[in-house]
Structure formats: structure tokens, C-alpha cells
N, C-alpha and C. Protein backbone atom coordinates (compact mmCIF):
# COMPACT_ATOMS: atom_id res chain seq x y z
N MET A 1 0.57 -1.22 -0.39
CA MET A 1 0.29 0.03 -0.36
C MET A 1 0.72 1.30 0.15
N LEU A 2 2.08 0.91 0.67
CA LEU A 2 2.81 1.90 0.67
C LEU A 2 3.24 2.24 -0.49
N SER A 3 3.45 1.69 -1.59
CA SER A 3 4.28 1.55 -2.69
C SER A 3 3.01 2.45 -3.69
N LEU A 4 1.97 1.46 -3.25
CA LEU A 4 0.96 2.55 -4.21
C LEU A 4 1.06 4.47 -4.29
N ARG A 5 1.05 3.93 -2.58
CA ARG A 5 1.19 5.59 -2.03
C ARG A 5 1.73 7.05 -2.55
N SER A 6 2.73 6.22 -3.02
CA SER A 6 5.21 6.90 -3.49
C SER A 6 3.89 7.11 -4.80
N LEU A 7 3.13 6.40 -5.89
CA LEU A 7 3.02 6.84 -6.94
C LEU A 7 1.82 8.64 -7.42
N PHE A 8 1.52 8.22 -5.92
CA PHE A 8 0.96 9.84 -6.76
C PHE A 8 1.28 11.23 -5.74
N ALA A 9 1.90 10.89 -4.61
CA ALA A 9 2.79 11.51 -4.77
C ALA A 9 3.14 12.60 -4.64
N PRO A 10 3.48 13.81 -5.01
CA PRO A 10 3.63 14.52 -5.47
C PRO A 10 4.45 14.50 -4.90
N ARG A 11 6.31 14.59 -5.94
CA ARG A 11 7.38 14.76 -5.46
C ARG A 11 7.98 16.40 -6.94
N GLN A 12 9.14 16.94 -5.44
CA GLN A 12 9.59 17.63 -6.87
C GLN A 12 10.73 17.45 -6.57
N PRO A 13 10.34 18.57 -8.12
CA PRO A 13 11.53 18.21 -8.97
C PRO A 13 13.37 18.39 -8.77
N LEU A 14 13.73 17.91 -9.79
CA LEU A 14 15.21 17.29 -9.46
C LEU A 14 15.59 18.95 -10.21
N ARG A 15 17.00 19.14 -9.63
CA ARG A 15 17.37 20.53 -9.72
C ARG A 15 18.65 19.42 -9.99
N THR A 16 20.39 20.51 -11.07
CA THR A 16 21.37 19.98 -11.13
C THR A 16 22.69 20.88 -10.15
N PHE A 17 23.34 20.41 -9.65
CA PHE A 17 24.37 20.70 -9.29
C PHE A 17 25.74 20.77 -9.89
N ALA A 18 27.28 21.94 -10.02
CA ALA A 18 27.75 21.31 -9.62
C ALA A 18 28.72 21.75 -9.05
N LEU A 19 29.90 21.36 -9.05
CA LEU A 19 30.95 21.57 -8.23
C LEU A 19 32.73 21.76 -8.75
N LEU A 20 32.15 23.02 -8.08
CA LEU A 20 33.15 24.19 -8.04
C LEU A 20 34.63 23.83 -8.06
N ASP A 21 36.06 23.87 -8.28
CA ASP A 21 37.26 24.15 -7.28
C ASP A 21 37.63 25.35 -6.91
N VAL A 22 38.14 25.96 -5.92
CA VAL A 22 39.57 27.21 -5.54
C VAL A 22 39.52 27.51 -7.02
N GLN A 23 39.90 27.59 -8.10
CA GLN A 23 40.05 27.37 -8.87
C GLN A 23 39.06 27.75 -10.63
N GLY A 24 38.11 27.93 -10.22
CA GLY A 24 36.56 27.88 -10.59
C GLY A 24 36.26 26.57 -11.39
N LEU A 25 36.56 25.10 -11.62
CA LEU A 25 37.06 24.55 -12.68
C LEU A 25 35.54 23.89 -12.12
N CYS A 26 35.44 22.59 -13.17
CA CYS A 26 33.40 22.47 -12.88
C CYS A 26 34.05 20.95 -12.34
N ARG A 27 34.17 20.30 -10.98
CA ARG A 27 34.81 18.99 -11.46
C ARG A 27 33.50 17.98 -11.28
N ALA A 28 32.58 17.73 -10.97
CA ALA A 28 31.66 17.16 -10.32
C ALA A 28 29.61 17.34 -10.87
N PHE A 29 29.08 17.22 -11.10
CA PHE A 29 27.96 16.94 -11.57
C PHE A 29 26.67 15.71 -10.10
N ARG A 30 25.79 16.91 -10.03
CA ARG A 30 24.62 15.83 -9.06
C ARG A 30 23.41 16.78 -9.05
N GLN A 31 22.14 15.54 -9.53
CA GLN A 31 21.29 16.27 -9.57
C GLN A 31 19.80 15.56 -7.91
N SER A 32 19.79 16.44 -7.66
CA SER A 32 18.72 15.78 -6.21
C SER A 32 17.49 17.14 -5.89
N ALA A 33 16.42 16.93 -5.70
CA ALA A 33 15.58 17.88 -4.71
C ALA A 33 16.15 18.60 -4.24
N GLN A 34 16.79 18.87 -3.40
CA GLN A 34 17.83 19.97 -2.29
C GLN A 34 19.23 20.18 -2.17
N ALA A 35 20.09 21.42 -2.90
CA ALA A 35 21.46 21.25 -3.14
C ALA A 35 22.21 20.99 -1.72
N PRO A 36 23.36 20.85 -2.28
CA PRO A 36 24.26 19.81 -2.20
C PRO A 36 24.77 20.42 -0.75
N HIS A 37 24.76 19.63 0.18
CA HIS A 37 25.56 20.53 1.03
C HIS A 37 27.61 20.23 1.68
N GLY A 38 28.24 21.52 1.30
CA GLY A 38 29.30 22.04 1.74
C GLY A 38 29.92 23.11 0.50
N LYS A 39 31.16 22.48 0.33
CA LYS A 39 31.61 24.21 0.16
C LYS A 39 31.44 23.77 -1.88
N GLY A 40 31.24 24.76 -2.73
CA GLY A 40 31.23 25.07 -3.75
C GLY A 40 30.41 24.36 -4.81
N TRP A 41 29.36 23.53 -4.66
CA TRP A 41 28.62 23.88 -4.86
C TRP A 41 27.21 24.70 -5.49
N VAL A 42 27.57 24.75 -7.01
CA VAL A 42 26.50 25.98 -7.68
C VAL A 42 25.17 25.20 -8.40
N GLU A 43 24.19 25.99 -8.66
CA GLU A 43 23.01 26.09 -9.20
C GLU A 43 23.02 26.40 -10.92
N VAL A 44 23.32 24.90 -11.62
CA VAL A 44 23.27 25.12 -13.09
C VAL A 44 21.43 24.91 -14.02
N ASN A 45 22.01 25.31 -14.95
CA ASN A 45 20.59 24.75 -15.36
C ASN A 45 20.88 24.19 -16.38
N GLU A 46 22.01 23.63 -16.62
CA GLU A 46 22.10 21.99 -17.27
C GLU A 46 23.45 21.22 -16.89
N GLN A 47 23.53 20.03 -17.59
CA GLN A 47 24.24 19.52 -16.80
C GLN A 47 24.98 19.38 -18.26
N ARG A 48 26.36 19.06 -18.34
CA ARG A 48 26.57 19.04 -20.20
C ARG A 48 29.20 18.07 -19.45
N LEU A 49 29.06 17.52 -20.02
CA LEU A 49 29.93 16.25 -19.64
C LEU A 49 30.97 16.90 -20.49
N SER A 50 31.64 18.00 -21.39
CA SER A 50 31.98 19.56 -21.61
C SER A 50 32.62 19.98 -20.73
N TRP A 51 31.81 19.95 -19.43
CA TRP A 51 32.09 21.33 -19.29
C TRP A 51 33.24 20.67 -17.87
N LEU A 52 33.27 19.42 -17.97
CA LEU A 52 33.70 18.95 -16.35
C LEU A 52 35.66 19.31 -17.53
N ASN A 53 36.30 19.73 -16.05
CA ASN A 53 37.88 20.45 -15.18
C ASN A 53 37.61 21.80 -16.70
N GLN A 54 36.71 22.62 -17.13
CA GLN A 54 36.27 23.82 -17.35
C GLN A 54 35.63 24.90 -16.39
N PRO A 55 36.02 25.94 -16.46
CA PRO A 55 35.14 26.79 -16.39
C PRO A 55 33.94 27.16 -16.80
N LEU A 56 32.51 27.36 -15.78
CA LEU A 56 31.19 26.90 -16.38
C LEU A 56 31.33 28.30 -17.18
N PRO A 57 30.94 27.71 -18.19
CA PRO A 57 29.97 29.42 -19.72
C PRO A 57 29.21 30.05 -19.12
N ALA A 58 29.03 31.54 -19.42
CA ALA A 58 28.84 32.28 -17.91
C ALA A 58 27.12 32.04 -18.42
N GLY A 59 26.56 32.35 -19.30
CA GLY A 59 25.08 31.37 -18.51
C GLY A 59 25.13 30.09 -18.54
N ALA A 60 25.74 29.64 -17.89
CA ALA A 60 25.79 28.12 -17.06
C ALA A 60 24.49 28.21 -15.91
N ARG A 61 25.33 29.47 -14.71
CA ARG A 61 24.67 29.08 -12.79
C ARG A 61 22.41 29.17 -13.83
N ALA A 62 22.44 28.82 -13.13
CA ALA A 62 20.68 29.05 -13.10
C ALA A 62 20.39 30.36 -11.66
N GLN A 63 19.44 31.44 -11.94
CA GLN A 63 18.83 32.22 -11.68
C GLN A 63 18.48 31.77 -10.17
N PRO A 64 18.65 32.16 -9.14
CA PRO A 64 18.60 32.11 -7.50
C PRO A 64 16.96 32.41 -7.85
N VAL A 65 16.20 31.38 -7.06
CA VAL A 65 14.62 31.27 -7.06
C VAL A 65 14.30 31.71 -5.68
N ALA A 66 13.63 32.71 -5.48
CA ALA A 66 12.78 33.15 -3.71
C ALA A 66 11.75 32.63 -3.90
N THR A 67 11.99 31.40 -2.06
CA THR A 67 10.78 31.07 -2.15
C THR A 67 10.39 31.50 -1.04
N HIS A 68 9.10 31.72 -1.11
CA HIS A 68 8.19 32.70 -0.40
C HIS A 68 7.01 31.67 0.06
N PRO A 69 6.27 31.81 1.27
CA PRO A 69 4.97 31.27 1.76
C PRO A 69 3.47 30.71 0.83
N ARG A 70 3.23 29.56 0.95
CA ARG A 70 2.15 30.26 -0.48
C ARG A 70 1.13 30.79 0.77
N PHE A 71 0.85 30.20 1.63
CA PHE A 71 0.35 31.43 2.92
C PHE A 71 0.56 31.57 3.76
N GLY A 72 0.04 32.65 4.83
CA GLY A 72 0.71 33.03 5.48
C GLY A 72 0.08 32.81 6.11
N LYS A 73 -0.05 33.18 8.54
CA LYS A 73 0.30 32.39 9.53
C LYS A 73 -1.49 32.70 9.11
N ALA A 74 -2.13 32.40 9.87
CA ALA A 74 -3.67 32.00 10.14
C ALA A 74 -3.41 33.44 10.87
N LEU A 75 -4.75 33.68 11.26
CA LEU A 75 -4.85 35.18 12.82
C LEU A 75 -5.81 34.69 13.45
N ALA A 76 -5.65 34.43 14.49
CA ALA A 76 -6.44 34.68 15.65
C ALA A 76 -7.58 34.77 15.58
N ALA A 77 -8.44 33.83 16.39
CA ALA A 77 -10.43 34.89 15.62
C ALA A 77 -10.30 35.32 17.06
């Protein structure tokens, strides 16, 4: 029953991240729903293997998404 329920549960979309070293070169990629922990991870628009061991192109970084709560706190009556 749990597996059937998980089929219909909403899922967070996967986001793509690139690991940059001290010189700004791309060392790894990762796809996950949340940002990886650690220093050097930046969100990118897409994943291209040709970026490995190279600096990221100017338009590769994703624009940060501001998260706002959908609903405000309920007021006491």
C-alpha cells in the first residue's frame, strides 16, 4: 500500500548542481531535489560533460529562486 501511495504523491523536481574547485573549474555534477551540503556547489541550468575540468560558461548558472510561503499564518479569531 505504501508503494501505491508513493506513486501519486507529489515530488520535488530534480535540480542540477556543479561542484567548482578553488580555481573555478567544474569537477562534478549532481542532481537532487535539494542543494548539496558543502562548499563549492552551484546550481546550473543543465549538465554538460564538456564542462568538466573547464570553467562554467557565463550563462550556465541558474538564477536563484526566491521561495515565499504560499499562505500566511492564520490569524486567531
